[in-house]
Protein backbone atom coordinates (compact mmCIF):
# COMPACT_ATOMS: atom_id res chain seq x y z
CA MET A 1 -23.44 15.77 26.28
CA ASN A 2 -20.58 17.76 27.82
CA LYS A 3 -17.78 15.33 28.70
CA ILE A 4 -14.33 15.72 30.17
CA ILE A 5 -11.45 13.37 30.94
CA ILE A 6 -9.48 13.76 34.17
CA TYR A 7 -6.40 11.59 34.67
CA SER A 8 -3.91 10.84 37.39
CA SER A 9 -0.73 9.08 36.37
CA GLN A 10 2.39 8.29 38.30
CA TYR A 11 4.53 6.90 35.47
CA GLY A 12 2.55 7.69 32.32
CA THR A 13 0.36 4.69 31.53
CA SER A 14 -2.88 6.30 32.67
CA LYS A 15 -1.99 9.47 30.79
CA GLN A 16 -1.41 7.42 27.62
CA TYR A 17 -4.79 5.72 27.97
CA ALA A 18 -6.49 9.05 28.71
CA THR A 19 -4.81 10.63 25.69
CA GLU A 20 -5.97 7.83 23.43
CA ILE A 21 -9.59 8.13 24.67
CA SER A 22 -9.38 11.90 24.27
CA ASN A 23 -8.10 11.62 20.70
CA LYS A 24 -10.56 8.93 19.62
CA LYS A 25 -13.63 10.62 21.10
CA THR A 26 -12.51 14.27 20.92
CA ILE A 27 -13.06 14.83 24.62
CA PRO A 28 -10.93 17.43 26.43
CA MET A 29 -8.43 15.96 28.88
CA TYR A 30 -6.78 17.40 31.97
CA SER A 31 -4.49 16.23 34.73
CA VAL A 32 -6.08 15.94 38.16
CA GLU A 33 -3.61 18.66 39.22
CA SER A 34 -4.90 21.14 36.61
CA ILE A 35 -8.67 20.76 36.50
CA PRO A 36 -10.32 23.75 34.79
CA GLU A 37 -13.44 25.52 36.03
CA SER A 38 -15.25 24.28 32.90
CA MET A 39 -15.18 20.81 34.46
CA LEU A 40 -17.87 22.01 36.85
CA LYS A 41 -20.31 22.00 33.92
CA ALA A 42 -19.48 18.50 32.70
CA ASP A 43 -22.39 16.10 32.37
CA GLU A 44 -20.00 13.16 32.33
CA ILE A 45 -16.50 12.76 33.75
CA ILE A 46 -14.15 9.98 32.71
CA TYR A 47 -11.54 9.58 35.48
CA VAL A 48 -8.48 7.57 34.40
CA GLY A 49 -6.09 6.65 37.19
CA SER A 50 -3.41 4.21 38.08
CA ILE A 51 -3.84 1.84 41.00
CA TYR A 52 -1.53 2.68 43.85
CA MET A 53 -1.74 0.99 47.23
CA GLY A 54 -5.07 -0.57 46.23
CA LYS A 55 -6.74 2.74 45.33
CA VAL A 56 -7.18 4.79 42.18
CA LEU A 57 -4.43 7.43 42.39
CA GLY A 58 -5.79 10.89 43.27
CA PHE A 59 -9.40 9.80 43.18
CA ASP A 60 -10.06 10.29 46.88
CA LYS A 61 -8.90 13.92 46.77
CA PHE A 62 -10.78 14.51 43.49
CA SER A 63 -14.04 13.09 44.83
CA LYS A 64 -13.79 15.13 48.05
CA GLN A 65 -13.00 18.36 46.24
CA TYR A 66 -15.83 18.00 43.71
CA ASN A 67 -18.33 16.12 45.89
CA ALA A 68 -21.20 18.50 45.06
CA LEU A 69 -21.12 17.70 41.33
CA SER A 70 -23.90 15.47 40.10
CA SER A 71 -22.07 14.46 36.91
CA LYS A 72 -22.11 10.92 35.63
CA LEU A 73 -18.80 9.28 36.37
CA ILE A 74 -16.83 6.58 34.60
CA VAL A 75 -13.69 5.34 36.37
CA VAL A 76 -10.91 3.72 34.37
CA SER A 77 -8.24 2.06 36.51
CA THR A 78 -4.82 0.89 35.33
CA GLY A 79 -2.51 -1.36 37.28
CA MET A 80 0.17 -4.01 37.09
CA TYR A 81 -1.94 -6.63 38.83
CA ASN A 82 -4.27 -8.58 36.57
CA PRO A 83 -7.20 -6.22 36.00
CA LYS A 84 -9.52 -9.06 35.02
CA ARG A 85 -9.12 -10.99 38.27
CA LYS A 86 -12.34 -10.76 40.24
CA THR A 87 -10.65 -10.03 43.57
CA ASN A 88 -8.75 -7.10 42.02
CA MET A 89 -11.91 -5.78 40.39
CA ASP A 90 -13.84 -6.12 43.64
CA ASN A 91 -11.16 -4.28 45.63
CA ILE A 92 -11.05 -1.41 43.16
CA GLU A 93 -14.84 -1.20 43.09
CA LEU A 94 -14.98 -1.08 46.89
CA ALA A 95 -12.37 1.69 47.01
CA VAL A 96 -14.15 3.77 44.35
CA LYS A 97 -17.57 3.36 45.96
CA ALA A 98 -16.14 4.24 49.39
CA ASN A 99 -14.86 7.52 47.92
CA LEU A 100 -18.24 8.25 46.38
CA GLN A 101 -20.35 7.72 49.50
CA LYS A 102 -20.41 11.40 50.40
CA THR A 103 -20.67 12.76 46.88
CA ASN A 104 -23.39 13.47 44.34
CA PHE A 105 -21.59 11.71 41.49
CA LEU A 106 -23.59 9.10 39.60
CA LEU A 107 -21.26 6.15 39.02
CA LYS A 108 -21.95 4.89 35.51
CA ASP A 109 -19.21 2.27 35.19
CA ILE A 110 -15.75 1.12 36.25
CA PHE A 111 -13.25 -0.27 33.77
CA TYR A 112 -10.06 -2.16 34.55
CA LEU A 113 -6.99 -1.96 32.30
CA LYS A 114 -3.55 -3.55 32.41
CA GLY A 115 -0.88 -1.02 33.22
CA LYS A 116 2.71 -0.98 32.05
CA LEU A 117 5.55 -1.37 34.51
CA ASP A 118 8.55 0.60 33.28
CA THR A 119 11.24 -0.24 35.81
CA GLN A 120 13.68 2.25 34.26
CA HIS A 121 11.51 5.22 35.25
CA LEU A 122 10.43 4.16 38.73
CA ARG A 123 11.21 6.41 41.67
CA PHE A 124 13.87 5.03 43.96
CA LYS A 125 11.49 3.73 46.68
CA HIS A 126 9.22 2.10 44.09
CA LYS A 127 12.18 0.56 42.28
CA ILE A 128 13.42 -0.97 45.56
CA LEU A 129 9.95 -2.29 46.42
CA ILE A 130 9.28 -3.81 42.98
CA ASN A 131 12.77 -5.30 42.75
CA THR A 132 12.36 -6.86 46.20
CA LEU A 133 8.94 -8.29 45.34
CA TYR A 134 10.23 -9.58 42.01
CA LYS A 135 13.34 -11.23 43.46
CA SER A 136 11.31 -12.80 46.25
CA ALA A 137 8.86 -14.25 43.73
CA LYS A 138 11.64 -15.52 41.46
CA ARG A 139 13.16 -17.50 44.34
CA LYS A 140 9.96 -19.52 44.62
CA LYS A 141 8.79 -22.40 42.52
CA GLU A 142 6.14 -21.46 39.99
CA CYS A 143 3.58 -23.66 41.74
CA ASP A 144 4.17 -21.82 45.04
CA LEU A 145 3.50 -18.33 43.66
CA ASN A 146 0.27 -16.58 44.54
CA GLU A 147 -1.63 -14.62 41.88
CA ASN A 148 -0.12 -11.26 42.80
CA GLU A 149 3.39 -12.68 42.72
CA ARG A 150 2.72 -14.08 39.25
CA ASP A 151 1.47 -10.62 38.19
CA ILE A 152 4.63 -8.97 39.50
CA VAL A 153 6.88 -11.39 37.64
CA LEU A 154 4.87 -10.94 34.45
CA ALA A 155 4.80 -7.13 34.75
CA TYR A 156 8.52 -7.00 35.51
CA GLU A 157 9.52 -9.23 32.63
CA ASP A 158 6.95 -8.02 30.07
CA ASP A 159 8.40 -5.51 27.65
CA SER A 160 5.30 -5.22 25.46
CA GLN A 161 3.65 -1.89 24.87
CA ILE A 162 0.28 -0.70 26.08
CA ASP A 163 -2.56 -2.38 24.22
CA PHE A 164 -4.98 0.34 23.14
CA ASN A 165 -7.38 -2.37 21.91
CA GLU A 166 -8.24 -2.74 25.61
CA LEU A 167 -10.04 0.60 25.28
CA ASN A 168 -12.69 -0.69 22.85
CA GLY A 169 -15.28 -1.38 25.53
CA ILE A 170 -14.73 2.05 27.07
CA LEU A 171 -14.87 3.82 23.70
CA ASN A 172 -18.10 2.02 22.83
CA SER A 173 -19.71 3.14 26.09
CA LEU A 174 -18.93 6.85 25.52
């Protein structure tokens, strides 16, 4: 089966996951900004993208541009909010399916991975936003935090690296 990985990454986490999948499964990988013509012949596309404003980054433009393709599609999302929380999974699934309504893609699966928040490399507006959200959450008592506020605090304070073991389910499905 002819497969290809397309990724969109704002700060590098999605690219790191896409690179790891590419290396482990020997599947060619391209940025959403540099998709080759050979992609048009892919039987299966693995789209790896970060979650930004509740949507998979670049996926709407990608799905519109290549809406005539009838390739199987696997979407891998990465974000700082807990990817295993049902409400987060449901929101991502709704956004992906909304983008696919006017396409011929055959959605095979959606995977949800924890992203890495690297505050040192954030763009100015994102740094201000994240710092504001973090400081607001830190002023509250732990028991008063909502789930997203807890995720922001954890992402902001967590200095661990990306866990490539999270890819096992994806690798097994390819």
